[in-house]
Amino acid sequence: MKSTGIIRRVDELGRIVLPKELRDTLYIKEKDAIEILVDGEDIVLRKFARGCVFCGSEEAVFDFFDRPVCESCAHQIAEGLREGRA
């Protein structure tokens, strides 16, 4: 991990503010979901990205019956249905 040299204090409600420069650099917008992970004693924040329920891909994902599915898996499923493999 790379240090940014930015230090923020936790406020009385347990919040921290991500500096605007950092949000801009990482393309984090207001209302974006941020995932919180723990790695040993480190807290890691990253922009949340939904992945395909079948392969985990984050590319070209769309909702299908409220589940994220990528175009590649959708094509494979459609092909399986056409060939009677489903």
PDB file of N, CA and C in Angstrom:
ATOM      1  N   MET A   1       0.831  -1.173   0.000  1.00  0.00           N
ATOM      2  CA  MET A   1       0.000   0.000   0.000  1.00  0.00           C
ATOM      3  C   MET A   1       0.876   1.236   0.000  1.00  0.00           C
ATOM      4  N   LYS A   2       0.356   2.287  -0.612  1.00  0.00           N
ATOM      5  CA  LYS A   2       1.091   3.534  -0.713  1.00  0.00           C
ATOM      6  C   LYS A   2       0.518   4.560   0.256  1.00  0.00           C
ATOM      7  N   SER A   3       1.374   5.227   0.996  1.00  0.00           N
ATOM      8  CA  SER A   3       0.928   6.266   1.921  1.00  0.00           C
ATOM      9  C   SER A   3       0.623   7.545   1.152  1.00  0.00           C
ATOM     10  N   THR A   4      -0.483   8.196   1.529  1.00  0.00           N
ATOM     11  CA  THR A   4      -0.844   9.461   0.891  1.00  0.00           C
ATOM     12  C   THR A   4      -0.317  10.642   1.682  1.00  0.00           C
ATOM     13  N   GLY A   5       0.067  10.420   2.928  1.00  0.00           N
ATOM     14  CA  GLY A   5       0.515  11.506   3.781  1.00  0.00           C
ATOM     15  C   GLY A   5      -0.637  12.308   4.368  1.00  0.00           C
ATOM     16  N   ILE A   6      -1.869  11.879   4.102  1.00  0.00           N
ATOM     17  CA  ILE A   6      -3.056  12.569   4.605  1.00  0.00           C
ATOM     18  C   ILE A   6      -3.456  11.942   5.933  1.00  0.00           C
ATOM     19  N   ILE A   7      -3.685  12.784   6.928  1.00  0.00           N
ATOM     20  CA  ILE A   7      -4.124  12.299   8.237  1.00  0.00           C
ATOM     21  C   ILE A   7      -5.425  13.003   8.589  1.00  0.00           C
ATOM     22  N   ARG A   8      -6.417  12.241   9.021  1.00  0.00           N
ATOM     23  CA  ARG A   8      -7.714  12.783   9.434  1.00  0.00           C
ATOM     24  C   ARG A   8      -8.056  12.203  10.804  1.00  0.00           C
ATOM     25  N   ARG A   9      -8.741  12.981  11.591  1.00  0.00           N
ATOM     26  CA  ARG A   9      -9.190  12.519  12.905  1.00  0.00           C
ATOM     27  C   ARG A   9     -10.622  11.987  12.796  1.00  0.00           C
ATOM     28  N   VAL A  10     -10.930  11.014  13.623  1.00  0.00           N
ATOM     29  CA  VAL A  10     -12.285  10.478  13.711  1.00  0.00           C
ATOM     30  C   VAL A  10     -13.098  11.449  14.568  1.00  0.00           C
ATOM     31  N   ASP A  11     -14.303  11.840  14.093  1.00  0.00           N
ATOM     32  CA  ASP A  11     -15.111  12.780  14.879  1.00  0.00           C
ATOM     33  C   ASP A  11     -15.902  12.037  15.951  1.00  0.00           C
ATOM     34  N   GLU A  12     -16.684  12.782  16.729  1.00  0.00           N
ATOM     35  CA  GLU A  12     -17.415  12.193  17.860  1.00  0.00           C
ATOM     36  C   GLU A  12     -18.455  11.152  17.434  1.00  0.00           C
ATOM     37  N   LEU A  13     -18.832  11.144  16.155  1.00  0.00           N
ATOM     38  CA  LEU A  13     -19.784  10.142  15.662  1.00  0.00           C
ATOM     39  C   LEU A  13     -19.079   8.976  14.949  1.00  0.00           C
ATOM     40  N   GLY A  14     -17.745   8.968  14.997  1.00  0.00           N
ATOM     41  CA  GLY A  14     -16.987   7.871  14.391  1.00  0.00           C
ATOM     42  C   GLY A  14     -16.739   8.054  12.908  1.00  0.00           C
ATOM     43  N   ARG A  15     -16.920   9.268  12.388  1.00  0.00           N
ATOM     44  CA  ARG A  15     -16.764   9.525  10.957  1.00  0.00           C
ATOM     45  C   ARG A  15     -15.383  10.096  10.645  1.00  0.00           C
ATOM     46  N   ILE A  16     -14.944   9.853   9.413  1.00  0.00           N
ATOM     47  CA  ILE A  16     -13.770  10.525   8.867  1.00  0.00           C
ATOM     48  C   ILE A  16     -14.177  11.103   7.522  1.00  0.00           C
ATOM     49  N   VAL A  17     -13.463  12.133   7.096  1.00  0.00           N
ATOM     50  CA  VAL A  17     -13.753  12.757   5.806  1.00  0.00           C
ATOM     51  C   VAL A  17     -12.631  12.398   4.845  1.00  0.00           C
ATOM     52  N   LEU A  18     -13.007  11.899   3.666  1.00  0.00           N
ATOM     53  CA  LEU A  18     -12.017  11.663   2.617  1.00  0.00           C
ATOM     54  C   LEU A  18     -11.808  12.986   1.888  1.00  0.00           C
ATOM     55  N   PRO A  19     -10.581  13.473   1.799  1.00  0.00           N
ATOM     56  CA  PRO A  19     -10.333  14.754   1.146  1.00  0.00           C
ATOM     57  C   PRO A  19     -10.819  14.762  -0.308  1.00  0.00           C
ATOM     58  N   LYS A  20     -11.289  15.919  -0.754  1.00  0.00           N
ATOM     59  CA  LYS A  20     -11.824  16.063  -2.105  1.00  0.00           C
ATOM     60  C   LYS A  20     -10.804  15.635  -3.161  1.00  0.00           C
ATOM     61  N   GLU A  21      -9.553  15.998  -2.969  1.00  0.00           N
ATOM     62  CA  GLU A  21      -8.515  15.636  -3.949  1.00  0.00           C
ATOM     63  C   GLU A  21      -8.421  14.114  -4.107  1.00  0.00           C
ATOM     64  N   LEU A  22      -8.520  13.405  -2.990  1.00  0.00           N
ATOM     65  CA  LEU A  22      -8.463  11.945  -3.018  1.00  0.00           C
ATOM     66  C   LEU A  22      -9.715  11.370  -3.678  1.00  0.00           C
ATOM     67  N   ARG A  23     -10.889  11.911  -3.330  1.00  0.00           N
ATOM     68  CA  ARG A  23     -12.130  11.444  -3.959  1.00  0.00           C
ATOM     69  C   ARG A  23     -12.099  11.680  -5.464  1.00  0.00           C
ATOM     70  N   ASP A  24     -11.610  12.830  -5.880  1.00  0.00           N
ATOM     71  CA  ASP A  24     -11.518  13.134  -7.314  1.00  0.00           C
ATOM     72  C   ASP A  24     -10.560  12.184  -8.021  1.00  0.00           C
ATOM     73  N   THR A  25      -9.415  11.940  -7.408  1.00  0.00           N
ATOM     74  CA  THR A  25      -8.416  11.044  -8.002  1.00  0.00           C
ATOM     75  C   THR A  25      -8.959   9.626  -8.179  1.00  0.00           C
ATOM     76  N   LEU A  26      -9.766   9.173  -7.206  1.00  0.00           N
ATOM     77  CA  LEU A  26     -10.293   7.801  -7.234  1.00  0.00           C
ATOM     78  C   LEU A  26     -11.713   7.725  -7.808  1.00  0.00           C
ATOM     79  N   TYR A  27     -12.204   8.850  -8.353  1.00  0.00           N
ATOM     80  CA  TYR A  27     -13.550   8.915  -8.971  1.00  0.00           C
ATOM     81  C   TYR A  27     -14.645   8.479  -8.007  1.00  0.00           C
ATOM     82  N   ILE A  28     -14.539   8.932  -6.765  1.00  0.00           N
ATOM     83  CA  ILE A  28     -15.561   8.640  -5.761  1.00  0.00           C
ATOM     84  C   ILE A  28     -16.493   9.839  -5.696  1.00  0.00           C
ATOM     85  N   LYS A  29     -17.779   9.577  -5.974  1.00  0.00           N
ATOM     86  CA  LYS A  29     -18.777  10.637  -5.976  1.00  0.00           C
ATOM     87  C   LYS A  29     -19.642  10.542  -4.721  1.00  0.00           C
ATOM     88  N   GLU A  30     -20.350  11.620  -4.434  1.00  0.00           N
ATOM     89  CA  GLU A  30     -21.296  11.623  -3.329  1.00  0.00           C
ATOM     90  C   GLU A  30     -22.294  10.485  -3.536  1.00  0.00           C
ATOM     91  N   LYS A  31     -22.603   9.757  -2.494  1.00  0.00           N
ATOM     92  CA  LYS A  31     -23.547   8.624  -2.488  1.00  0.00           C
ATOM     93  C   LYS A  31     -22.942   7.324  -3.019  1.00  0.00           C
ATOM     94  N   ASP A  32     -21.688   7.312  -3.483  1.00  0.00           N
ATOM     95  CA  ASP A  32     -21.057   6.057  -3.903  1.00  0.00           C
ATOM     96  C   ASP A  32     -20.911   5.140  -2.695  1.00  0.00           C
ATOM     97  N   ALA A  33     -21.052   3.848  -2.914  1.00  0.00           N
ATOM     98  CA  ALA A  33     -20.870   2.869  -1.842  1.00  0.00           C
ATOM     99  C   ALA A  33     -19.380   2.598  -1.662  1.00  0.00           C
ATOM    100  N   ILE A  34     -18.938   2.576  -0.409  1.00  0.00           N
ATOM    101  CA  ILE A  34     -17.546   2.295  -0.080  1.00  0.00           C
ATOM    102  C   ILE A  34     -17.511   1.014   0.746  1.00  0.00           C
ATOM    103  N   GLU A  35     -16.682   0.078   0.321  1.00  0.00           N
ATOM    104  CA  GLU A  35     -16.545  -1.192   1.025  1.00  0.00           C
ATOM    105  C   GLU A  35     -15.452  -1.047   2.092  1.00  0.00           C
ATOM    106  N   ILE A  36     -15.694  -1.598   3.271  1.00  0.00           N
ATOM    107  CA  ILE A  36     -14.735  -1.524   4.374  1.00  0.00           C
ATOM    108  C   ILE A  36     -14.193  -2.933   4.626  1.00  0.00           C
ATOM    109  N   LEU A  37     -12.871  -3.086   4.529  1.00  0.00           N
ATOM    110  CA  LEU A  37     -12.236  -4.381   4.724  1.00  0.00           C
ATOM    111  C   LEU A  37     -11.209  -4.263   5.837  1.00  0.00           C
ATOM    112  N   VAL A  38     -10.884  -5.374   6.447  1.00  0.00           N
ATOM    113  CA  VAL A  38      -9.851  -5.423   7.475  1.00  0.00           C
ATOM    114  C   VAL A  38      -8.777  -6.386   7.006  1.00  0.00           C
ATOM    115  N   ASP A  39      -7.520  -5.915   7.018  1.00  0.00           N
ATOM    116  CA  ASP A  39      -6.374  -6.724   6.621  1.00  0.00           C
ATOM    117  C   ASP A  39      -5.383  -6.684   7.781  1.00  0.00           C
ATOM    118  N   GLY A  40      -5.440  -7.684   8.642  1.00  0.00           N
ATOM    119  CA  GLY A  40      -4.619  -7.656   9.846  1.00  0.00           C
ATOM    120  C   GLY A  40      -5.093  -6.524  10.741  1.00  0.00           C
ATOM    121  N   GLU A  41      -4.221  -5.551  10.971  1.00  0.00           N
ATOM    122  CA  GLU A  41      -4.590  -4.392  11.779  1.00  0.00           C
ATOM    123  C   GLU A  41      -4.897  -3.172  10.913  1.00  0.00           C
ATOM    124  N   ASP A  42      -4.940  -3.357   9.600  1.00  0.00           N
ATOM    125  CA  ASP A  42      -5.220  -2.249   8.672  1.00  0.00           C
ATOM    126  C   ASP A  42      -6.692  -2.225   8.297  1.00  0.00           C
ATOM    127  N   ILE A  43      -7.236  -1.027   8.178  1.00  0.00           N
ATOM    128  CA  ILE A  43      -8.587  -0.832   7.656  1.00  0.00           C
ATOM    129  C   ILE A  43      -8.420  -0.347   6.225  1.00  0.00           C
ATOM    130  N   VAL A  44      -9.062  -1.026   5.294  1.00  0.00           N
ATOM    131  CA  VAL A  44      -8.951  -0.688   3.878  1.00  0.00           C
ATOM    132  C   VAL A  44     -10.314  -0.239   3.381  1.00  0.00           C
ATOM    133  N   LEU A  45     -10.352   0.904   2.726  1.00  0.00           N
ATOM    134  CA  LEU A  45     -11.578   1.408   2.109  1.00  0.00           C
ATOM    135  C   LEU A  45     -11.420   1.297   0.604  1.00  0.00           C
ATOM    136  N   ARG A  46     -12.455   0.816  -0.074  1.00  0.00           N
ATOM    137  CA  ARG A  46     -12.404   0.812  -1.534  1.00  0.00           C
ATOM    138  C   ARG A  46     -13.808   1.012  -2.080  1.00  0.00           C
ATOM    139  N   LYS A  47     -13.854   1.597  -3.255  1.00  0.00           N
ATOM    140  CA  LYS A  47     -15.135   1.836  -3.903  1.00  0.00           C
ATOM    141  C   LYS A  47     -15.764   0.475  -4.195  1.00  0.00           C
ATOM    142  N   PHE A  48     -17.024   0.330  -3.804  1.00  0.00           N
ATOM    143  CA  PHE A  48     -17.710  -0.947  -3.968  1.00  0.00           C
ATOM    144  C   PHE A  48     -18.098  -1.147  -5.429  1.00  0.00           C
ATOM    145  N   ALA A  49     -17.807  -2.310  -5.957  1.00  0.00           N
ATOM    146  CA  ALA A  49     -18.198  -2.667  -7.321  1.00  0.00           C
ATOM    147  C   ALA A  49     -18.874  -4.031  -7.272  1.00  0.00           C
ATOM    148  N   ARG A  50     -20.079  -4.085  -7.800  1.00  0.00           N
ATOM    149  CA  ARG A  50     -20.796  -5.364  -7.806  1.00  0.00           C
ATOM    150  C   ARG A  50     -20.246  -6.254  -8.905  1.00  0.00           C
ATOM    151  N   GLY A  51     -20.124  -7.522  -8.609  1.00  0.00           N
ATOM    152  CA  GLY A  51     -19.635  -8.475  -9.589  1.00  0.00           C
ATOM    153  C   GLY A  51     -20.720  -9.461  -9.985  1.00  0.00           C
ATOM    154  N   CYS A  52     -20.524 -10.094 -11.123  1.00  0.00           N
ATOM    155  CA  CYS A  52     -21.444 -11.106 -11.648  1.00  0.00           C
ATOM    156  C   CYS A  52     -21.596 -12.240 -10.639  1.00  0.00           C
ATOM    157  N   VAL A  53     -22.836 -12.702 -10.414  1.00  0.00           N
ATOM    158  CA  VAL A  53     -23.077 -13.781  -9.447  1.00  0.00           C
ATOM    159  C   VAL A  53     -22.468 -15.102  -9.912  1.00  0.00           C
ATOM    160  N   PHE A  54     -22.171 -15.234 -11.201  1.00  0.00           N
ATOM    161  CA  PHE A  54     -21.622 -16.489 -11.725  1.00  0.00           C
ATOM    162  C   PHE A  54     -20.098 -16.494 -11.769  1.00  0.00           C
ATOM    163  N   CYS A  55     -19.497 -15.420 -12.298  1.00  0.00           N
ATOM    164  CA  CYS A  55     -18.041 -15.430 -12.489  1.00  0.00           C
ATOM    165  C   CYS A  55     -17.304 -14.363 -11.687  1.00  0.00           C
ATOM    166  N   GLY A  56     -18.025 -13.419 -11.097  1.00  0.00           N
ATOM    167  CA  GLY A  56     -17.394 -12.371 -10.300  1.00  0.00           C
ATOM    168  C   GLY A  56     -16.908 -11.173 -11.098  1.00  0.00           C
ATOM    169  N   SER A  57     -17.017 -11.216 -12.418  1.00  0.00           N
ATOM    170  CA  SER A  57     -16.569 -10.110 -13.263  1.00  0.00           C
ATOM    171  C   SER A  57     -17.312  -8.825 -12.908  1.00  0.00           C
ATOM    172  N   GLU A  58     -16.602  -7.709 -13.002  1.00  0.00           N
ATOM    173  CA  GLU A  58     -17.213  -6.402 -12.760  1.00  0.00           C
ATOM    174  C   GLU A  58     -17.433  -5.660 -14.071  1.00  0.00           C
ATOM    175  N   GLU A  59     -17.135  -6.294 -15.199  1.00  0.00           N
ATOM    176  CA  GLU A  59     -17.271  -5.697 -16.529  1.00  0.00           C
ATOM    177  C   GLU A  59     -18.656  -5.967 -17.104  1.00  0.00           C
ATOM    178  N   ALA A  60     -19.297  -4.939 -17.639  1.00  0.00           N
ATOM    179  CA  ALA A  60     -20.581  -5.049 -18.344  1.00  0.00           C
ATOM    180  C   ALA A  60     -21.621  -5.820 -17.531  1.00  0.00           C
ATOM    181  N   VAL A  61     -21.799  -5.415 -16.279  1.00  0.00           N
ATOM    182  CA  VAL A  61     -22.750  -6.082 -15.382  1.00  0.00           C
ATOM    183  C   VAL A  61     -24.088  -5.355 -15.424  1.00  0.00           C
ATOM    184  N   PHE A  62     -25.170  -6.119 -15.482  1.00  0.00           N
ATOM    185  CA  PHE A  62     -26.516  -5.553 -15.446  1.00  0.00           C
ATOM    186  C   PHE A  62     -27.360  -6.379 -14.489  1.00  0.00           C
ATOM    187  N   ASP A  63     -28.481  -5.810 -14.045  1.00  0.00           N
ATOM    188  CA  ASP A  63     -29.373  -6.529 -13.137  1.00  0.00           C
ATOM    189  C   ASP A  63     -30.315  -7.437 -13.919  1.00  0.00           C
ATOM    190  N   PHE A  64     -30.409  -8.683 -13.494  1.00  0.00           N
ATOM    191  CA  PHE A  64     -31.332  -9.651 -14.070  1.00  0.00           C
ATOM    192  C   PHE A  64     -32.076 -10.267 -12.895  1.00  0.00           C
ATOM    193  N   PHE A  65     -33.354  -9.939 -12.762  1.00  0.00           N
ATOM    194  CA  PHE A  65     -34.151 -10.362 -11.604  1.00  0.00           C
ATOM    195  C   PHE A  65     -33.438 -10.008 -10.299  1.00  0.00           C
ATOM    196  N   ASP A  66     -32.988  -8.757 -10.218  1.00  0.00           N
ATOM    197  CA  ASP A  66     -32.324  -8.210  -9.028  1.00  0.00           C
ATOM    198  C   ASP A  66     -31.005  -8.888  -8.677  1.00  0.00           C
ATOM    199  N   ARG A  67     -30.380  -9.524  -9.648  1.00  0.00           N
ATOM    200  CA  ARG A  67     -29.072 -10.142  -9.445  1.00  0.00           C
ATOM    201  C   ARG A  67     -28.114  -9.618 -10.507  1.00  0.00           C
ATOM    202  N   PRO A  68     -26.858  -9.288 -10.124  1.00  0.00           N
ATOM    203  CA  PRO A  68     -25.896  -8.814 -11.120  1.00  0.00           C
ATOM    204  C   PRO A  68     -25.379  -9.967 -11.984  1.00  0.00           C
ATOM    205  N   VAL A  69     -25.479  -9.792 -13.298  1.00  0.00           N
ATOM    206  CA  VAL A  69     -25.018 -10.798 -14.263  1.00  0.00           C
ATOM    207  C   VAL A  69     -24.224 -10.067 -15.349  1.00  0.00           C
ATOM    208  N   CYS A  70     -23.068 -10.596 -15.736  1.00  0.00           N
ATOM    209  CA  CYS A  70     -22.285  -9.954 -16.797  1.00  0.00           C
ATOM    210  C   CYS A  70     -22.786 -10.442 -18.159  1.00  0.00           C
ATOM    211  N   GLU A  71     -22.467  -9.663 -19.191  1.00  0.00           N
ATOM    212  CA  GLU A  71     -22.922 -10.008 -20.547  1.00  0.00           C
ATOM    213  C   GLU A  71     -22.385 -11.360 -20.996  1.00  0.00           C
ATOM    214  N   SER A  72     -21.148 -11.675 -20.638  1.00  0.00           N
ATOM    215  CA  SER A  72     -20.547 -12.941 -21.042  1.00  0.00           C
ATOM    216  C   SER A  72     -21.336 -14.131 -20.484  1.00  0.00           C
ATOM    217  N   CYS A  73     -21.650 -14.100 -19.196  1.00  0.00           N
ATOM    218  CA  CYS A  73     -22.418 -15.192 -18.592  1.00  0.00           C
ATOM    219  C   CYS A  73     -23.835 -15.230 -19.144  1.00  0.00           C
ATOM    220  N   ALA A  74     -24.421 -14.062 -19.392  1.00  0.00           N
ATOM    221  CA  ALA A  74     -25.768 -14.023 -19.966  1.00  0.00           C
ATOM    222  C   ALA A  74     -25.780 -14.705 -21.327  1.00  0.00           C
ATOM    223  N   HIS A  75     -24.747 -14.455 -22.142  1.00  0.00           N
ATOM    224  CA  HIS A  75     -24.662 -15.112 -23.459  1.00  0.00           C
ATOM    225  C   HIS A  75     -24.486 -16.620 -23.303  1.00  0.00           C
ATOM    226  N   GLN A  76     -23.664 -17.038 -22.343  1.00  0.00           N
ATOM    227  CA  GLN A  76     -23.462 -18.471 -22.117  1.00  0.00           C
ATOM    228  C   GLN A  76     -24.752 -19.152 -21.664  1.00  0.00           C
ATOM    229  N   ILE A  77     -25.505 -18.474 -20.807  1.00  0.00           N
ATOM    230  CA  ILE A  77     -26.786 -19.019 -20.342  1.00  0.00           C
ATOM    231  C   ILE A  77     -27.763 -19.132 -21.504  1.00  0.00           C
ATOM    232  N   ALA A  78     -27.840 -18.079 -22.319  1.00  0.00           N
ATOM    233  CA  ALA A  78     -28.755 -18.094 -23.475  1.00  0.00           C
ATOM    234  C   ALA A  78     -28.370 -19.215 -24.435  1.00  0.00           C
ATOM    235  N   GLU A  79     -27.073 -19.384 -24.668  1.00  0.00           N
ATOM    236  CA  GLU A  79     -26.605 -20.453 -25.567  1.00  0.00           C
ATOM    237  C   GLU A  79     -26.956 -21.826 -24.995  1.00  0.00           C
ATOM    238  N   GLY A  80     -26.795 -21.994 -23.669  1.00  0.00           N
ATOM    239  CA  GLY A  80     -27.154 -23.254 -23.027  1.00  0.00           C
ATOM    240  C   GLY A  80     -28.630 -23.546 -23.150  1.00  0.00           C
ATOM    241  N   LEU A  81     -29.467 -22.532 -23.044  1.00  0.00           N
ATOM    242  CA  LEU A  81     -30.906 -22.716 -23.194  1.00  0.00           C
ATOM    243  C   LEU A  81     -31.263 -23.127 -24.621  1.00  0.00           C
ATOM    244  N   ARG A  82     -30.591 -22.480 -25.597  1.00  0.00           N
ATOM    245  CA  ARG A  82     -30.855 -22.839 -27.000  1.00  0.00           C
ATOM    246  C   ARG A  82     -30.458 -24.283 -27.295  1.00  0.00           C
ATOM    247  N   GLU A  83     -29.391 -24.739 -26.642  1.00  0.00           N
ATOM    248  CA  GLU A  83     -28.905 -26.098 -26.889  1.00  0.00           C
ATOM    249  C   GLU A  83     -29.539 -27.115 -25.943  1.00  0.00           C
ATOM    250  N   GLY A  84     -30.422 -26.663 -25.074  1.00  0.00           N
ATOM    251  CA  GLY A  84     -31.108 -27.584 -24.169  1.00  0.00           C
ATOM    252  C   GLY A  84     -30.259 -28.072 -23.012  1.00  0.00           C
ATOM    253  N   ARG A  85     -29.230 -27.312 -22.637  1.00  0.00           N
ATOM    254  CA  ARG A  85     -28.337 -27.717 -21.552  1.00  0.00           C
ATOM    255  C   ARG A  85     -28.786 -27.176 -20.203  1.00  0.00           C
ATOM    256  N   ALA A  86     -29.848 -26.405 -20.150  1.00  0.00           N
ATOM    257  CA  ALA A  86     -30.247 -25.798 -18.872  1.00  0.00           C
ATOM    258  C   ALA A  86     -31.224 -26.670 -18.140  1.00  0.00           C
TER     259      ALA A  86
END
